[in-house]
Amino acid sequence: MTRILQIISLIIVGLLLKKHLPSDASEPTPPLVNGRISSIEKIETREYLDMLEKGVPTSSLAVANQYTIVETYIDTCGICKALERQFDPFLAQRPDVVIRKVHFPEGAFSYKWSSPEEQRELFERMSLYLFNDVEKDGDSYMIGTCGTPHIEVYGPDQRLIAADDCSTESKAGLEYFRGWLAAEL
């Protein structure tokens, strides 16, 4: 009888824990969307400053009917380079995945605006990204990133599955992607 109660208790605890996890993020290996190799470019690189200037959010890089990994990186990031060495073998395993790299300039860059409207516009554009780090420096602001690689993972429905977030110092996107790589390779 105690054995049956133990089993029932474990099932209840498991169900309660599963209820609190996001359904997509709880899967270490997302299911294959389709078996066809897409004609979409598998790895593309964008420049952060161009995206910022045009107000293009990283979420717009998500590709319909594909899993999309967005990696924000700097050239001197050793962790980024190690992660990127796994991209080609990973993409060979997963024809339903694309990678969109966003190149961030080395170090912080300074920005000074001429009016409150220009300041508000810049901050509105910067709110489109989860990786900005802004510090006041005299009468200008230094814009940097809180750490690279910064990873965002989008599902085939173009909805966010997991992401790093500077505001909470979370590396959930990187952890999710590393788990997925480990399961696939």
Protein backbone atom coordinates (compact mmCIF):
# COMPACT_ATOMS: atom_id res chain seq x y z
CA MET A 1 0.00 0.00 0.00
CA THR A 2 2.82 2.44 0.84
CA ARG A 3 4.44 1.65 -2.51
CA ILE A 4 1.25 2.69 -4.32
CA LEU A 5 1.07 5.91 -2.28
CA GLN A 6 4.70 6.68 -3.14
CA ILE A 7 4.03 6.20 -6.85
CA ILE A 8 0.90 8.38 -6.72
CA SER A 9 2.85 11.07 -4.82
CA LEU A 10 5.61 11.06 -7.43
CA ILE A 11 3.07 11.38 -10.24
CA ILE A 12 1.36 14.32 -8.51
CA VAL A 13 4.70 16.09 -7.85
CA GLY A 14 5.71 15.53 -11.50
CA LEU A 15 2.43 16.98 -12.77
CA LEU A 16 2.73 19.99 -10.49
CA LEU A 17 6.29 20.69 -11.63
CA LYS A 18 5.37 20.30 -15.31
CA LYS A 19 2.49 22.77 -14.86
CA HIS A 20 4.97 25.54 -13.92
CA LEU A 21 7.36 25.04 -16.85
CA PRO A 22 6.74 26.64 -20.25
CA SER A 23 5.66 23.76 -22.50
CA ASP A 24 8.08 24.55 -25.36
CA ALA A 25 11.06 25.35 -23.12
CA SER A 26 10.67 22.10 -21.15
CA GLU A 27 11.55 20.00 -24.21
CA PRO A 28 15.33 19.49 -24.51
CA THR A 29 14.95 18.66 -28.21
CA PRO A 30 12.10 20.38 -30.01
CA PRO A 31 10.23 18.16 -32.45
CA LEU A 32 11.20 18.29 -36.11
CA VAL A 33 8.91 20.71 -37.97
CA ASN A 34 9.36 19.16 -41.37
CA GLY A 35 11.87 16.88 -42.98
CA ARG A 36 12.47 19.04 -46.03
CA ILE A 37 15.64 21.04 -46.40
CA SER A 38 14.60 24.63 -46.79
CA SER A 39 15.94 26.93 -49.49
CA ILE A 40 16.24 29.62 -46.81
CA GLU A 41 19.79 30.72 -46.02
CA LYS A 42 20.75 28.73 -42.92
CA ILE A 43 23.09 31.31 -41.35
CA GLU A 44 22.80 35.05 -41.91
CA THR A 45 24.57 37.91 -40.17
CA ARG A 46 23.18 41.35 -39.43
CA GLU A 47 24.80 44.43 -37.89
CA TYR A 48 23.25 45.63 -34.64
CA LEU A 49 23.81 49.34 -35.42
CA ASP A 50 21.92 48.97 -38.72
CA MET A 51 19.08 47.21 -36.94
CA LEU A 52 19.02 49.86 -34.19
CA GLU A 53 19.01 52.70 -36.74
CA LYS A 54 16.05 51.15 -38.61
CA GLY A 55 14.22 49.98 -35.47
CA VAL A 56 14.37 46.32 -36.53
CA PRO A 57 13.81 44.03 -33.52
CA THR A 58 15.57 40.69 -33.21
CA SER A 59 12.11 39.06 -33.07
CA SER A 60 11.64 40.05 -36.74
CA LEU A 61 14.50 37.70 -37.65
CA ALA A 62 12.36 34.67 -36.72
CA VAL A 63 11.54 32.63 -39.83
CA ALA A 64 8.09 31.08 -40.28
CA ASN A 65 7.99 27.27 -40.18
CA GLN A 66 11.59 27.10 -38.92
CA TYR A 67 13.15 27.19 -35.50
CA THR A 68 15.25 30.36 -35.39
CA ILE A 69 18.29 30.83 -33.17
CA VAL A 70 19.34 34.47 -32.82
CA GLU A 71 22.87 34.91 -31.53
CA THR A 72 24.16 38.38 -30.65
CA TYR A 73 27.94 38.34 -30.49
CA ILE A 74 31.11 40.42 -30.49
CA ASP A 75 34.25 39.46 -32.42
CA THR A 76 36.37 38.86 -29.30
CA CYS A 77 33.86 36.58 -27.54
CA GLY A 78 35.53 33.20 -26.99
CA ILE A 79 32.30 31.55 -25.82
CA CYS A 80 30.62 32.78 -29.03
CA LYS A 81 33.35 31.26 -31.21
CA ALA A 82 33.08 27.91 -29.39
CA LEU A 83 29.31 27.91 -29.78
CA GLU A 84 29.54 28.88 -33.47
CA ARG A 85 31.81 25.87 -34.20
CA GLN A 86 28.77 23.70 -33.45
CA PHE A 87 26.43 25.54 -35.84
CA ASP A 88 27.21 23.57 -39.03
CA PRO A 89 26.97 20.08 -37.44
CA PHE A 90 23.79 21.15 -35.64
CA LEU A 91 22.20 22.51 -38.83
CA ALA A 92 23.10 19.27 -40.63
CA GLN A 93 21.04 17.41 -38.01
CA ARG A 94 18.18 19.92 -38.02
CA PRO A 95 17.01 21.06 -41.48
CA ASP A 96 14.19 22.96 -39.77
CA VAL A 97 16.53 25.40 -37.98
CA VAL A 98 18.06 28.68 -39.13
CA ILE A 99 20.59 30.85 -37.31
CA ARG A 100 20.55 34.62 -37.39
CA LYS A 101 23.70 36.23 -36.03
CA VAL A 102 23.65 39.85 -34.86
CA HIS A 103 27.09 41.45 -34.73
CA PHE A 104 27.44 43.95 -31.87
CA PRO A 105 30.30 46.50 -32.00
CA GLU A 106 33.26 45.85 -29.72
CA GLY A 107 32.87 47.59 -26.38
CA ALA A 108 30.29 50.24 -25.72
CA PHE A 109 29.58 53.10 -28.08
CA SER A 110 28.57 56.59 -27.11
CA TYR A 111 25.36 58.28 -28.17
CA LYS A 112 24.39 61.89 -27.59
CA TRP A 113 21.10 63.33 -28.78
CA SER A 114 20.15 66.88 -29.60
CA SER A 115 16.60 66.85 -28.22
CA PRO A 116 14.37 64.99 -25.74
CA GLU A 117 12.41 63.63 -28.72
CA GLU A 118 15.59 62.11 -30.19
CA GLN A 119 16.40 60.59 -26.78
CA ARG A 120 12.90 59.11 -26.46
CA GLU A 121 13.08 57.71 -30.00
CA LEU A 122 16.44 56.04 -29.31
CA PHE A 123 15.19 54.51 -26.07
CA GLU A 124 12.05 53.24 -27.82
CA ARG A 125 14.20 51.54 -30.47
CA MET A 126 16.52 50.12 -27.80
CA SER A 127 13.53 48.61 -25.97
CA LEU A 128 13.18 46.24 -28.94
CA TYR A 129 16.24 44.30 -27.72
CA LEU A 130 16.87 42.22 -24.59
CA PHE A 131 20.66 42.71 -24.62
CA ASN A 132 21.25 46.46 -24.29
CA ASP A 133 23.15 47.88 -21.36
CA VAL A 134 23.00 51.68 -21.03
CA GLU A 135 25.09 53.83 -18.69
CA LYS A 136 25.12 57.60 -18.34
CA ASP A 137 28.51 59.17 -19.11
CA GLY A 138 28.41 62.94 -18.56
CA ASP A 139 25.93 64.38 -21.03
CA SER A 140 25.87 61.28 -23.24
CA TYR A 141 25.08 57.60 -22.78
CA MET A 142 27.29 54.58 -23.33
CA ILE A 143 25.43 51.73 -25.02
CA GLY A 144 26.81 48.24 -24.64
CA THR A 145 25.66 44.68 -24.23
CA CYS A 146 25.28 42.88 -20.92
CA GLY A 147 27.09 39.83 -22.21
CA THR A 148 27.64 37.69 -25.24
CA PRO A 149 26.61 35.39 -26.58
CA HIS A 150 23.07 36.59 -26.18
CA ILE A 151 20.69 33.88 -27.40
CA GLU A 152 17.03 34.04 -28.36
CA VAL A 153 15.20 30.91 -29.60
CA TYR A 154 12.01 31.22 -31.66
CA GLY A 155 9.63 28.44 -32.66
CA PRO A 156 8.20 27.70 -36.10
CA ASP A 157 5.27 29.95 -35.19
CA GLN A 158 7.80 32.80 -34.74
CA ARG A 159 7.06 33.00 -31.02
CA LEU A 160 9.81 33.25 -28.43
CA ILE A 161 10.64 29.95 -26.72
CA ALA A 162 13.63 30.99 -24.61
CA ALA A 163 15.87 34.06 -24.34
CA ASP A 164 18.65 35.65 -22.36
CA ASP A 165 17.52 38.88 -20.71
CA CYS A 166 19.74 41.66 -19.32
CA SER A 167 16.99 43.04 -17.11
CA THR A 168 16.86 39.80 -15.11
CA GLU A 169 20.47 38.67 -15.78
CA SER A 170 18.99 35.49 -17.24
CA LYS A 171 20.91 33.21 -19.60
CA ALA A 172 17.85 31.01 -20.23
CA GLY A 173 18.26 31.22 -24.02
CA LEU A 174 21.89 30.11 -23.92
CA GLU A 175 21.10 27.30 -21.47
CA TYR A 176 18.19 26.12 -23.63
CA PHE A 177 20.29 26.15 -26.81
CA ARG A 178 23.21 24.37 -25.13
CA GLY A 179 20.83 21.65 -23.93
CA TRP A 180 19.43 21.31 -27.43
CA LEU A 181 22.93 21.08 -28.93
CA ALA A 182 23.90 18.40 -26.40
CA ALA A 183 20.79 16.38 -27.24
CA GLU A 184 21.36 16.60 -31.01
CA LEU A 185 25.14 16.26 -31.38
